[in-house]
Amino acid sequence: KHHLGIEMTNLKDSMIAEMILKCGLSFK
Protein backbone atom coordinates (compact mmCIF):
# COMPACT_ATOMS: atom_id res chain seq x y z
CA LYS A 1 0.00 0.00 0.00
CA HIS A 2 2.72 2.47 0.98
CA HIS A 3 5.15 1.80 -1.87
CA LEU A 4 2.84 0.90 -4.75
CA GLY A 5 -0.63 2.03 -3.75
CA ILE A 6 -1.89 -1.55 -3.93
CA GLU A 7 -5.01 -2.34 -1.91
CA MET A 8 -5.18 -6.13 -1.94
CA THR A 9 -8.43 -7.96 -1.22
CA ASN A 10 -9.39 -11.65 -1.13
CA LEU A 11 -6.49 -12.37 1.23
CA LYS A 12 -5.84 -15.88 2.58
CA ASP A 13 -3.52 -15.45 5.56
CA SER A 14 -2.42 -18.77 7.08
CA MET A 15 -1.32 -17.04 10.29
CA ILE A 16 -4.75 -15.48 10.85
CA ALA A 17 -6.42 -18.77 9.93
CA GLU A 18 -4.34 -20.61 12.51
CA MET A 19 -5.19 -18.09 15.21
CA ILE A 20 -8.89 -18.52 14.46
CA LEU A 21 -8.64 -22.31 14.38
CA LYS A 22 -6.97 -22.33 17.78
CA CYS A 23 -9.11 -19.50 19.19
CA GLY A 24 -6.02 -18.00 20.76
CA LEU A 25 -5.55 -21.03 23.02
CA SER A 26 -1.97 -21.73 21.98
CA PHE A 27 0.54 -19.37 23.54
CA LYS A 28 3.72 -21.22 22.58
mmCIF file of all heavy atoms, coordinates in Angstrom:
data_MODEL
# 
_entry.id   MODEL 
# 
loop_
_atom_site.group_PDB 
_atom_site.id 
_atom_site.type_symbol 
_atom_site.label_atom_id 
_atom_site.label_alt_id 
_atom_site.label_comp_id 
_atom_site.label_asym_id 
_atom_site.label_entity_id 
_atom_site.label_seq_id 
_atom_site.pdbx_PDB_ins_code 
_atom_site.Cartn_x 
_atom_site.Cartn_y 
_atom_site.Cartn_z 
_atom_site.occupancy 
_atom_site.B_iso_or_equiv 
_atom_site.pdbx_formal_charge 
_atom_site.auth_seq_id 
_atom_site.auth_comp_id 
_atom_site.auth_asym_id 
_atom_site.auth_atom_id 
_atom_site.pdbx_PDB_model_num 
ATOM 1   N N   . LYS A 1 1  ? 0.829   -1.196  0.000  1.00 0.00 ? 1  LYS A N   1 
ATOM 2   C CA  . LYS A 1 1  ? 0.000   0.000   0.000  1.00 0.00 ? 1  LYS A CA  1 
ATOM 3   C C   . LYS A 1 1  ? 0.867   1.251   0.000  1.00 0.00 ? 1  LYS A C   1 
ATOM 4   O O   . LYS A 1 1  ? 0.618   2.201   -0.773 1.00 0.00 ? 1  LYS A O   1 
ATOM 5   C CB  . LYS A 1 1  ? -0.913  -0.018  1.235  1.00 0.00 ? 1  LYS A CB  1 
ATOM 6   C CG  . LYS A 1 1  ? -1.671  1.279   1.498  1.00 0.00 ? 1  LYS A CG  1 
ATOM 7   C CD  . LYS A 1 1  ? -2.699  1.582   0.432  1.00 0.00 ? 1  LYS A CD  1 
ATOM 8   C CE  . LYS A 1 1  ? -3.528  2.800   0.823  1.00 0.00 ? 1  LYS A CE  1 
ATOM 9   N NZ  . LYS A 1 1  ? -4.479  3.191   -0.237 1.00 0.00 ? 1  LYS A NZ  1 
ATOM 10  N N   . HIS A 1 2  ? 1.887   1.275   0.853  1.00 0.00 ? 2  HIS A N   1 
ATOM 11  C CA  . HIS A 1 2  ? 2.718   2.475   0.980  1.00 0.00 ? 2  HIS A CA  1 
ATOM 12  C C   . HIS A 1 2  ? 3.587   2.700   -0.257 1.00 0.00 ? 2  HIS A C   1 
ATOM 13  O O   . HIS A 1 2  ? 3.699   3.836   -0.738 1.00 0.00 ? 2  HIS A O   1 
ATOM 14  C CB  . HIS A 1 2  ? 3.620   2.358   2.215  1.00 0.00 ? 2  HIS A CB  1 
ATOM 15  C CG  . HIS A 1 2  ? 4.536   3.525   2.395  1.00 0.00 ? 2  HIS A CG  1 
ATOM 16  N ND1 . HIS A 1 2  ? 4.088   4.773   2.769  1.00 0.00 ? 2  HIS A ND1 1 
ATOM 17  C CD2 . HIS A 1 2  ? 5.892   3.645   2.231  1.00 0.00 ? 2  HIS A CD2 1 
ATOM 18  C CE1 . HIS A 1 2  ? 5.113   5.610   2.837  1.00 0.00 ? 2  HIS A CE1 1 
ATOM 19  N NE2 . HIS A 1 2  ? 6.214   4.950   2.509  1.00 0.00 ? 2  HIS A NE2 1 
ATOM 20  N N   . HIS A 1 3  ? 4.183   1.635   -0.775 1.00 0.00 ? 3  HIS A N   1 
ATOM 21  C CA  . HIS A 1 3  ? 5.146   1.798   -1.867 1.00 0.00 ? 3  HIS A CA  1 
ATOM 22  C C   . HIS A 1 3  ? 4.501   1.807   -3.256 1.00 0.00 ? 3  HIS A C   1 
ATOM 23  O O   . HIS A 1 3  ? 5.016   2.460   -4.166 1.00 0.00 ? 3  HIS A O   1 
ATOM 24  C CB  . HIS A 1 3  ? 6.197   0.692   -1.800 1.00 0.00 ? 3  HIS A CB  1 
ATOM 25  C CG  . HIS A 1 3  ? 7.165   0.847   -0.671 1.00 0.00 ? 3  HIS A CG  1 
ATOM 26  N ND1 . HIS A 1 3  ? 8.309   1.603   -0.753 1.00 0.00 ? 3  HIS A ND1 1 
ATOM 27  C CD2 . HIS A 1 3  ? 7.145   0.348   0.592  1.00 0.00 ? 3  HIS A CD2 1 
ATOM 28  C CE1 . HIS A 1 3  ? 8.959   1.565   0.394  1.00 0.00 ? 3  HIS A CE1 1 
ATOM 29  N NE2 . HIS A 1 3  ? 8.278   0.810   1.227  1.00 0.00 ? 3  HIS A NE2 1 
ATOM 30  N N   . LEU A 1 4  ? 3.404   1.052   -3.415 1.00 0.00 ? 4  LEU A N   1 
ATOM 31  C CA  . LEU A 1 4  ? 2.843   0.896   -4.753 1.00 0.00 ? 4  LEU A CA  1 
ATOM 32  C C   . LEU A 1 4  ? 1.374   1.290   -4.847 1.00 0.00 ? 4  LEU A C   1 
ATOM 33  O O   . LEU A 1 4  ? 0.800   1.251   -5.934 1.00 0.00 ? 4  LEU A O   1 
ATOM 34  C CB  . LEU A 1 4  ? 3.004   -0.566  -5.211 1.00 0.00 ? 4  LEU A CB  1 
ATOM 35  C CG  . LEU A 1 4  ? 4.443   -1.091  -5.265 1.00 0.00 ? 4  LEU A CG  1 
ATOM 36  C CD1 . LEU A 1 4  ? 4.444   -2.567  -5.618 1.00 0.00 ? 4  LEU A CD1 1 
ATOM 37  C CD2 . LEU A 1 4  ? 5.260   -0.309  -6.279 1.00 0.00 ? 4  LEU A CD2 1 
ATOM 38  N N   . GLY A 1 5  ? 0.774   1.651   -3.725 1.00 0.00 ? 5  GLY A N   1 
ATOM 39  C CA  . GLY A 1 5  ? -0.630  2.033   -3.753 1.00 0.00 ? 5  GLY A CA  1 
ATOM 40  C C   . GLY A 1 5  ? -1.576  0.863   -3.943 1.00 0.00 ? 5  GLY A C   1 
ATOM 41  O O   . GLY A 1 5  ? -2.749  1.053   -4.275 1.00 0.00 ? 5  GLY A O   1 
ATOM 42  N N   . ILE A 1 6  ? -1.068  -0.352  -3.739 1.00 0.00 ? 6  ILE A N   1 
ATOM 43  C CA  . ILE A 1 6  ? -1.886  -1.551  -3.929 1.00 0.00 ? 6  ILE A CA  1 
ATOM 44  C C   . ILE A 1 6  ? -2.790  -1.766  -2.717 1.00 0.00 ? 6  ILE A C   1 
ATOM 45  O O   . ILE A 1 6  ? -2.334  -1.702  -1.575 1.00 0.00 ? 6  ILE A O   1 
ATOM 46  C CB  . ILE A 1 6  ? -0.997  -2.787  -4.148 1.00 0.00 ? 6  ILE A CB  1 
ATOM 47  C CG1 . ILE A 1 6  ? -0.208  -2.634  -5.456 1.00 0.00 ? 6  ILE A CG1 1 
ATOM 48  C CG2 . ILE A 1 6  ? -1.828  -4.064  -4.185 1.00 0.00 ? 6  ILE A CG2 1 
ATOM 49  C CD1 . ILE A 1 6  ? 0.823   -3.724  -5.684 1.00 0.00 ? 6  ILE A CD1 1 
ATOM 50  N N   . GLU A 1 7  ? -4.062  -2.023  -2.969 1.00 0.00 ? 7  GLU A N   1 
ATOM 51  C CA  . GLU A 1 7  ? -5.010  -2.336  -1.908 1.00 0.00 ? 7  GLU A CA  1 
ATOM 52  C C   . GLU A 1 7  ? -5.553  -3.743  -2.157 1.00 0.00 ? 7  GLU A C   1 
ATOM 53  O O   . GLU A 1 7  ? -6.602  -3.935  -2.775 1.00 0.00 ? 7  GLU A O   1 
ATOM 54  C CB  . GLU A 1 7  ? -6.131  -1.301  -1.863 1.00 0.00 ? 7  GLU A CB  1 
ATOM 55  C CG  . GLU A 1 7  ? -5.635  0.104   -1.524 1.00 0.00 ? 7  GLU A CG  1 
ATOM 56  C CD  . GLU A 1 7  ? -6.755  1.119   -1.415 1.00 0.00 ? 7  GLU A CD  1 
ATOM 57  O OE1 . GLU A 1 7  ? -7.897  0.790   -1.817 1.00 0.00 ? 7  GLU A OE1 1 
ATOM 58  O OE2 . GLU A 1 7  ? -6.496  2.239   -0.925 1.00 0.00 ? 7  GLU A OE2 1 
ATOM 59  N N   . MET A 1 8  ? -4.839  -4.739  -1.675 1.00 0.00 ? 8  MET A N   1 
ATOM 60  C CA  . MET A 1 8  ? -5.183  -6.129  -1.938 1.00 0.00 ? 8  MET A CA  1 
ATOM 61  C C   . MET A 1 8  ? -6.432  -6.555  -1.173 1.00 0.00 ? 8  MET A C   1 
ATOM 62  O O   . MET A 1 8  ? -6.624  -6.194  -0.013 1.00 0.00 ? 8  MET A O   1 
ATOM 63  C CB  . MET A 1 8  ? -4.014  -7.046  -1.585 1.00 0.00 ? 8  MET A CB  1 
ATOM 64  C CG  . MET A 1 8  ? -2.764  -6.854  -2.423 1.00 0.00 ? 8  MET A CG  1 
ATOM 65  S SD  . MET A 1 8  ? -1.486  -8.100  -2.078 1.00 0.00 ? 8  MET A SD  1 
ATOM 66  C CE  . MET A 1 8  ? -1.029  -7.666  -0.376 1.00 0.00 ? 8  MET A CE  1 
ATOM 67  N N   . THR A 1 9  ? -7.261  -7.337  -1.834 1.00 0.00 ? 9  THR A N   1 
ATOM 68  C CA  . THR A 1 9  ? -8.429  -7.964  -1.216 1.00 0.00 ? 9  THR A CA  1 
ATOM 69  C C   . THR A 1 9  ? -8.368  -9.464  -1.496 1.00 0.00 ? 9  THR A C   1 
ATOM 70  O O   . THR A 1 9  ? -7.473  -9.936  -2.198 1.00 0.00 ? 9  THR A O   1 
ATOM 71  C CB  . THR A 1 9  ? -9.741  -7.379  -1.764 1.00 0.00 ? 9  THR A CB  1 
ATOM 72  O OG1 . THR A 1 9  ? -9.754  -7.531  -3.194 1.00 0.00 ? 9  THR A OG1 1 
ATOM 73  C CG2 . THR A 1 9  ? -9.875  -5.901  -1.426 1.00 0.00 ? 9  THR A CG2 1 
ATOM 74  N N   . ASN A 1 10 ? -9.348  -10.193 -0.956 1.00 0.00 ? 10 ASN A N   1 
ATOM 75  C CA  . ASN A 1 10 ? -9.390  -11.650 -1.129 1.00 0.00 ? 10 ASN A CA  1 
ATOM 76  C C   . ASN A 1 10 ? -8.093  -12.282 -0.609 1.00 0.00 ? 10 ASN A C   1 
ATOM 77  O O   . ASN A 1 10 ? -7.457  -13.084 -1.292 1.00 0.00 ? 10 ASN A O   1 
ATOM 78  C CB  . ASN A 1 10 ? -9.622  -12.018 -2.594 1.00 0.00 ? 10 ASN A CB  1 
ATOM 79  C CG  . ASN A 1 10 ? -10.168 -13.423 -2.767 1.00 0.00 ? 10 ASN A CG  1 
ATOM 80  O OD1 . ASN A 1 10 ? -10.344 -14.164 -1.793 1.00 0.00 ? 10 ASN A OD1 1 
ATOM 81  N ND2 . ASN A 1 10 ? -10.419 -13.808 -4.003 1.00 0.00 ? 10 ASN A ND2 1 
ATOM 82  N N   . LEU A 1 11 ? -7.731  -11.904 0.612  1.00 0.00 ? 11 LEU A N   1 
ATOM 83  C CA  . LEU A 1 11 ? -6.494  -12.371 1.227  1.00 0.00 ? 11 LEU A CA  1 
ATOM 84  C C   . LEU A 1 11 ? -6.731  -13.671 1.994  1.00 0.00 ? 11 LEU A C   1 
ATOM 85  O O   . LEU A 1 11 ? -7.730  -13.811 2.701  1.00 0.00 ? 11 LEU A O   1 
ATOM 86  C CB  . LEU A 1 11 ? -5.932  -11.316 2.174  1.00 0.00 ? 11 LEU A CB  1 
ATOM 87  C CG  . LEU A 1 11 ? -5.671  -9.935  1.576  1.00 0.00 ? 11 LEU A CG  1 
ATOM 88  C CD1 . LEU A 1 11 ? -5.108  -9.001  2.647  1.00 0.00 ? 11 LEU A CD1 1 
ATOM 89  C CD2 . LEU A 1 11 ? -4.734  -10.020 0.389  1.00 0.00 ? 11 LEU A CD2 1 
ATOM 90  N N   . LYS A 1 12 ? -5.799  -14.608 1.869  1.00 0.00 ? 12 LYS A N   1 
ATOM 91  C CA  . LYS A 1 12 ? -5.837  -15.879 2.583  1.00 0.00 ? 12 LYS A CA  1 
ATOM 92  C C   . LYS A 1 12 ? -4.562  -15.982 3.428  1.00 0.00 ? 12 LYS A C   1 
ATOM 93  O O   . LYS A 1 12 ? -3.522  -16.425 2.955  1.00 0.00 ? 12 LYS A O   1 
ATOM 94  C CB  . LYS A 1 12 ? -5.930  -17.051 1.608  1.00 0.00 ? 12 LYS A CB  1 
ATOM 95  C CG  . LYS A 1 12 ? -7.068  -16.939 0.589  1.00 0.00 ? 12 LYS A CG  1 
ATOM 96  C CD  . LYS A 1 12 ? -8.434  -16.960 1.243  1.00 0.00 ? 12 LYS A CD  1 
ATOM 97  C CE  . LYS A 1 12 ? -9.551  -16.888 0.203  1.00 0.00 ? 12 LYS A CE  1 
ATOM 98  N NZ  . LYS A 1 12 ? -10.891 -16.868 0.814  1.00 0.00 ? 12 LYS A NZ  1 
ATOM 99  N N   . ASP A 1 13 ? -4.674  -15.531 4.670  1.00 0.00 ? 13 ASP A N   1 
ATOM 100 C CA  . ASP A 1 13 ? -3.523  -15.454 5.556  1.00 0.00 ? 13 ASP A CA  1 
ATOM 101 C C   . ASP A 1 13 ? -3.495  -16.677 6.467  1.00 0.00 ? 13 ASP A C   1 
ATOM 102 O O   . ASP A 1 13 ? -4.361  -16.836 7.337  1.00 0.00 ? 13 ASP A O   1 
ATOM 103 C CB  . ASP A 1 13 ? -3.601  -14.172 6.383  1.00 0.00 ? 13 ASP A CB  1 
ATOM 104 C CG  . ASP A 1 13 ? -2.319  -13.872 7.144  1.00 0.00 ? 13 ASP A CG  1 
ATOM 105 O OD1 . ASP A 1 13 ? -1.640  -14.824 7.574  1.00 0.00 ? 13 ASP A OD1 1 
ATOM 106 O OD2 . ASP A 1 13 ? -1.994  -12.683 7.316  1.00 0.00 ? 13 ASP A OD2 1 
ATOM 107 N N   . SER A 1 14 ? -2.508  -17.539 6.290  1.00 0.00 ? 14 SER A N   1 
ATOM 108 C CA  . SER A 1 14 ? -2.417  -18.768 7.084  1.00 0.00 ? 14 SER A CA  1 
ATOM 109 C C   . SER A 1 14 ? -2.203  -18.480 8.565  1.00 0.00 ? 14 SER A C   1 
ATOM 110 O O   . SER A 1 14 ? -2.629  -19.270 9.417  1.00 0.00 ? 14 SER A O   1 
ATOM 111 C CB  . SER A 1 14 ? -1.288  -19.662 6.553  1.00 0.00 ? 14 SER A CB  1 
ATOM 112 O OG  . SER A 1 14 ? -1.600  -20.147 5.267  1.00 0.00 ? 14 SER A OG  1 
ATOM 113 N N   . MET A 1 15 ? -1.545  -17.388 8.897  1.00 0.00 ? 15 MET A N   1 
ATOM 114 C CA  . MET A 1 15 ? -1.325  -17.044 10.295 1.00 0.00 ? 15 MET A CA  1 
ATOM 115 C C   . MET A 1 15 ? -2.645  -16.684 10.969 1.00 0.00 ? 15 MET A C   1 
ATOM 116 O O   . MET A 1 15 ? -2.945  -17.165 12.073 1.00 0.00 ? 15 MET A O   1 
ATOM 117 C CB  . MET A 1 15 ? -0.343  -15.881 10.419 1.00 0.00 ? 15 MET A CB  1 
ATOM 118 C CG  . MET A 1 15 ? 0.009   -15.539 11.855 1.00 0.00 ? 15 MET A CG  1 
ATOM 119 S SD  . MET A 1 15 ? 1.166   -14.146 11.984 1.00 0.00 ? 15 MET A SD  1 
ATOM 120 C CE  . MET A 1 15 ? 0.055   -12.772 11.633 1.00 0.00 ? 15 MET A CE  1 
ATOM 121 N N   . ILE A 1 16 ? -3.454  -15.861 10.306 1.00 0.00 ? 16 ILE A N   1 
ATOM 122 C CA  . ILE A 1 16 ? -4.752  -15.484 10.850 1.00 0.00 ? 16 ILE A CA  1 
ATOM 123 C C   . ILE A 1 16 ? -5.654  -16.717 10.945 1.00 0.00 ? 16 ILE A C   1 
ATOM 124 O O   . ILE A 1 16 ? -6.376  -16.907 11.935 1.00 0.00 ? 16 ILE A O   1 
ATOM 125 C CB  . ILE A 1 16 ? -5.420  -14.403 9.998  1.00 0.00 ? 16 ILE A CB  1 
ATOM 126 C CG1 . ILE A 1 16 ? -4.558  -13.140 9.953  1.00 0.00 ? 16 ILE A CG1 1 
ATOM 127 C CG2 . ILE A 1 16 ? -6.812  -14.087 10.523 1.00 0.00 ? 16 ILE A CG2 1 
ATOM 128 C CD1 . ILE A 1 16 ? -4.310  -12.509 11.298 1.00 0.00 ? 16 ILE A CD1 1 
ATOM 129 N N   . ALA A 1 17 ? -5.613  -17.556 9.915  1.00 0.00 ? 17 ALA A N   1 
ATOM 130 C CA  . ALA A 1 17 ? -6.423  -18.774 9.926  1.00 0.00 ? 17 ALA A CA  1 
ATOM 131 C C   . ALA A 1 17 ? -6.063  -19.657 11.108 1.00 0.00 ? 17 ALA A C   1 
ATOM 132 O O   . ALA A 1 17 ? -6.942  -20.212 11.778 1.00 0.00 ? 17 ALA A O   1 
ATOM 133 C CB  . ALA A 1 17 ? -6.234  -19.538 8.617  1.00 0.00 ? 17 ALA A CB  1 
ATOM 134 N N   . GLU A 1 18 ? -4.781  -19.776 11.391 1.00 0.00 ? 18 GLU A N   1 
ATOM 135 C CA  . GLU A 1 18 ? -4.337  -20.615 12.511 1.00 0.00 ? 18 GLU A CA  1 
ATOM 136 C C   . GLU A 1 18 ? -4.790  -20.038 13.842 1.00 0.00 ? 18 GLU A C   1 
ATOM 137 O O   . GLU A 1 18 ? -5.200  -20.782 14.746 1.00 0.00 ? 18 GLU A O   1 
ATOM 138 C CB  . GLU A 1 18 ? -2.812  -20.753 12.471 1.00 0.00 ? 18 GLU A CB  1 
ATOM 139 C CG  . GLU A 1 18 ? -2.248  -21.775 13.443 1.00 0.00 ? 18 GLU A CG  1 
ATOM 140 C CD  . GLU A 1 18 ? -2.582  -23.204 13.072 1.00 0.00 ? 18 GLU A CD  1 
ATOM 141 O OE1 . GLU A 1 18 ? -3.122  -23.451 11.968 1.00 0.00 ? 18 GLU A OE1 1 
ATOM 142 O OE2 . GLU A 1 18 ? -2.309  -24.105 13.900 1.00 0.00 ? 18 GLU A OE2 1 
ATOM 143 N N   . MET A 1 19 ? -4.721  -18.729 13.970 1.00 0.00 ? 19 MET A N   1 
ATOM 144 C CA  . MET A 1 19 ? -5.186  -18.093 15.208 1.00 0.00 ? 19 MET A CA  1 
ATOM 145 C C   . MET A 1 19 ? -6.680  -18.342 15.430 1.00 0.00 ? 19 MET A C   1 
ATOM 146 O O   . MET A 1 19 ? -7.116  -18.601 16.553 1.00 0.00 ? 19 MET A O   1 
ATOM 147 C CB  . MET A 1 19 ? -4.913  -16.588 15.145 1.00 0.00 ? 19 MET A CB  1 
ATOM 148 C CG  . MET A 1 19 ? -3.454  -16.209 15.233 1.00 0.00 ? 19 MET A CG  1 
ATOM 149 S SD  . MET A 1 19 ? -3.242  -14.410 15.084 1.00 0.00 ? 19 MET A SD  1 
ATOM 150 C CE  . MET A 1 19 ? -1.467  -14.270 15.349 1.00 0.00 ? 19 MET A CE  1 
ATOM 151 N N   . ILE A 1 20 ? -7.449  -18.279 14.346 1.00 0.00 ? 20 ILE A N   1 
ATOM 152 C CA  . ILE A 1 20 ? -8.887  -18.518 14.457 1.00 0.00 ? 20 ILE A CA  1 
ATOM 153 C C   . ILE A 1 20 ? -9.161  -19.981 14.788 1.00 0.00 ? 20 ILE A C   1 
ATOM 154 O O   . ILE A 1 20 ? -10.000 -20.306 15.636 1.00 0.00 ? 20 ILE A O   1 
ATOM 155 C CB  . ILE A 1 20 ? -9.595  -18.118 13.157 1.00 0.00 ? 20 ILE A CB  1 
ATOM 156 C CG1 . ILE A 1 20 ? -9.490  -16.598 12.953 1.00 0.00 ? 20 ILE A CG1 1 
ATOM 157 C CG2 . ILE A 1 20 ? -11.059 -18.551 13.172 1.00 0.00 ? 20 ILE A CG2 1 
ATOM 158 C CD1 . ILE A 1 20 ? -10.000 -16.121 11.616 1.00 0.00 ? 20 ILE A CD1 1 
ATOM 159 N N   . LEU A 1 21 ? -8.450  -20.889 14.135 1.00 0.00 ? 21 LEU A N   1 
ATOM 160 C CA  . LEU A 1 21 ? -8.644  -22.311 14.382 1.00 0.00 ? 21 LEU A CA  1 
ATOM 161 C C   . LEU A 1 21 ? -8.345  -22.684 15.827 1.00 0.00 ? 21 LEU A C   1 
ATOM 162 O O   . LEU A 1 21 ? -8.995  -23.560 16.409 1.00 0.00 ? 21 LEU A O   1 
ATOM 163 C CB  . LEU A 1 21 ? -7.760  -23.139 13.434 1.00 0.00 ? 21 LEU A CB  1 
ATOM 164 C CG  . LEU A 1 21 ? -8.208  -23.201 11.973 1.00 0.00 ? 21 LEU A CG  1 
ATOM 165 C CD1 . LEU A 1 21 ? -7.104  -23.809 11.101 1.00 0.00 ? 21 LEU A CD1 1 
ATOM 166 C CD2 . LEU A 1 21 ? -9.497  -24.007 11.832 1.00 0.00 ? 21 LEU A CD2 1 
ATOM 167 N N   . LYS A 1 22 ? -7.359  -22.026 16.408 1.00 0.00 ? 22 LYS A N   1 
ATOM 168 C CA  . LYS A 1 22 ? -6.969  -22.333 17.781 1.00 0.00 ? 22 LYS A CA  1 
ATOM 169 C C   . LYS A 1 22 ? -7.624  -21.399 18.798 1.00 0.00 ? 22 LYS A C   1 
ATOM 170 O O   . LYS A 1 22 ? -7.418  -21.562 20.003 1.00 0.00 ? 22 LYS A O   1 
ATOM 171 C CB  . LYS A 1 22 ? -5.443  -22.253 17.919 1.00 0.00 ? 22 LYS A CB  1 
ATOM 172 C CG  . LYS A 1 22 ? -4.705  -23.305 17.094 1.00 0.00 ? 22 LYS A CG  1 
ATOM 173 C CD  . LYS A 1 22 ? -5.195  -24.695 17.439 1.00 0.00 ? 22 LYS A CD  1 
ATOM 174 C CE  . LYS A 1 22 ? -4.580  -25.750 16.537 1.00 0.00 ? 22 LYS A CE  1 
ATOM 175 N NZ  . LYS A 1 22 ? -5.130  -27.088 16.827 1.00 0.00 ? 22 LYS A NZ  1 
ATOM 176 N N   . CYS A 1 23 ? -8.395  -20.438 18.312 1.00 0.00 ? 23 CYS A N   1 
ATOM 177 C CA  . CYS A 1 23 ? -9.114  -19.498 19.192 1.00 0.00 ? 23 CYS A CA  1 
ATOM 178 C C   . CYS A 1 23 ? -8.193  -18.853 20.224 1.00 0.00 ? 23 CYS A C   1 
ATOM 179 O O   . CYS A 1 23 ? -8.607  -18.581 21.362 1.00 0.00 ? 23 CYS A O   1 
ATOM 180 C CB  . CYS A 1 23 ? -10.261 -20.221 19.908 1.00 0.00 ? 23 CYS A CB  1 
ATOM 181 S SG  . CYS A 1 23 ? -11.512 -20.865 18.798 1.00 0.00 ? 23 CYS A SG  1 
ATOM 182 N N   . GLY A 1 24 ? -6.950  -18.649 19.854 1.00 0.00 ? 24 GLY A N   1 
ATOM 183 C CA  . GLY A 1 24 ? -6.015  -18.002 20.761 1.00 0.00 ? 24 GLY A CA  1 
ATOM 184 C C   . GLY A 1 24 ? -5.582  -18.860 21.933 1.00 0.00 ? 24 GLY A C   1 
ATOM 185 O O   . GLY A 1 24 ? -4.987  -18.354 22.884 1.00 0.00 ? 24 GLY A O   1 
ATOM 186 N N   . LEU A 1 25 ? -5.841  -20.167 21.878 1.00 0.00 ? 25 LEU A N   1 
ATOM 187 C CA  . LEU A 1 25 ? -5.551  -21.035 23.018 1.00 0.00 ? 25 LEU A CA  1 
ATOM 188 C C   . LEU A 1 25 ? -4.098  -21.491 23.077 1.00 0.00 ? 25 LEU A C   1 
ATOM 189 O O   . LEU A 1 25 ? -3.662  -22.018 24.089 1.00 0.00 ? 25 LEU A O   1 
ATOM 190 C CB  . LEU A 1 25 ? -6.464  -22.267 22.984 1.00 0.00 ? 25 LEU A CB  1 
ATOM 191 C CG  . LEU A 1 25 ? -7.957  -21.977 23.158 1.00 0.00 ? 25 LEU A CG  1 
ATOM 192 C CD1 . LEU A 1 25 ? -8.755  -23.267 23.077 1.00 0.00 ? 25 LEU A CD1 1 
ATOM 193 C CD2 . LEU A 1 25 ? -8.202  -21.291 24.502 1.00 0.00 ? 25 LEU A CD2 1 
ATOM 194 N N   . SER A 1 26 ? -3.374  -21.327 21.996 1.00 0.00 ? 26 SER A N   1 
ATOM 195 C CA  . SER A 1 26 ? -1.969  -21.731 21.981 1.00 0.00 ? 26 SER A CA  1 
ATOM 196 C C   . SER A 1 26 ? -1.084  -20.506 22.163 1.00 0.00 ? 26 SER A C   1 
ATOM 197 O O   . SER A 1 26 ? -1.130  -19.571 21.374 1.00 0.00 ? 26 SER A O   1 
ATOM 198 C CB  . SER A 1 26 ? -1.627  -22.419 20.654 1.00 0.00 ? 26 SER A CB  1 
ATOM 199 O OG  . SER A 1 26 ? -0.260  -22.766 20.624 1.00 0.00 ? 26 SER A OG  1 
ATOM 200 N N   . PHE A 1 27 ? -0.296  -20.527 23.237 1.00 0.00 ? 27 PHE A N   1 
ATOM 201 C CA  . PHE A 1 27 ? 0.544   -19.366 23.538 1.00 0.00 ? 27 PHE A CA  1 
ATOM 202 C C   . PHE A 1 27 ? 2.028   -19.673 23.335 1.00 0.00 ? 27 PHE A C   1 
ATOM 203 O O   . PHE A 1 27 ? 2.872   -18.878 23.699 1.00 0.00 ? 27 PHE A O   1 
ATOM 204 C CB  . PHE A 1 27 ? 0.301   -18.907 24.986 1.00 0.00 ? 27 PHE A CB  1 
ATOM 205 C CG  . PHE A 1 27 ? -1.105  -18.441 25.231 1.00 0.00 ? 27 PHE A CG  1 
ATOM 206 C CD1 . PHE A 1 27 ? -2.031  -19.281 25.817 1.00 0.00 ? 27 PHE A CD1 1 
ATOM 207 C CD2 . PHE A 1 27 ? -1.515  -17.174 24.843 1.00 0.00 ? 27 PHE A CD2 1 
ATOM 208 C CE1 . PHE A 1 27 ? -3.335  -18.860 26.042 1.00 0.00 ? 27 PHE A CE1 1 
ATOM 209 C CE2 . PHE A 1 27 ? -2.818  -16.753 25.064 1.00 0.00 ? 27 PHE A CE2 1 
ATOM 210 C CZ  . PHE A 1 27 ? -3.731  -17.594 25.663 1.00 0.00 ? 27 PHE A CZ  1 
ATOM 211 N N   . LYS A 1 28 ? 2.326   -20.843 22.791 1.00 0.00 ? 28 LYS A N   1 
ATOM 212 C CA  . LYS A 1 28 ? 3.717   -21.216 22.584 1.00 0.00 ? 28 LYS A CA  1 
ATOM 213 C C   . LYS A 1 28 ? 4.356   -20.257 21.588 1.00 0.00 ? 28 LYS A C   1 
ATOM 214 O O   . LYS A 1 28 ? 3.809   -19.977 20.525 1.00 0.00 ? 28 LYS A O   1 
ATOM 215 C CB  . LYS A 1 28 ? 3.809   -22.650 22.059 1.00 0.00 ? 28 LYS A CB  1 
ATOM 216 C CG  . LYS A 1 28 ? 5.233   -23.160 21.917 1.00 0.00 ? 28 LYS A CG  1 
ATOM 217 C CD  . LYS A 1 28 ? 5.237   -24.609 21.463 1.00 0.00 ? 28 LYS A CD  1 
ATOM 218 C CE  . LYS A 1 28 ? 6.665   -25.115 21.314 1.00 0.00 ? 28 LYS A CE  1 
ATOM 219 N NZ  . LYS A 1 28 ? 6.708   -26.519 20.851 1.00 0.00 ? 28 LYS A NZ  1 
# 
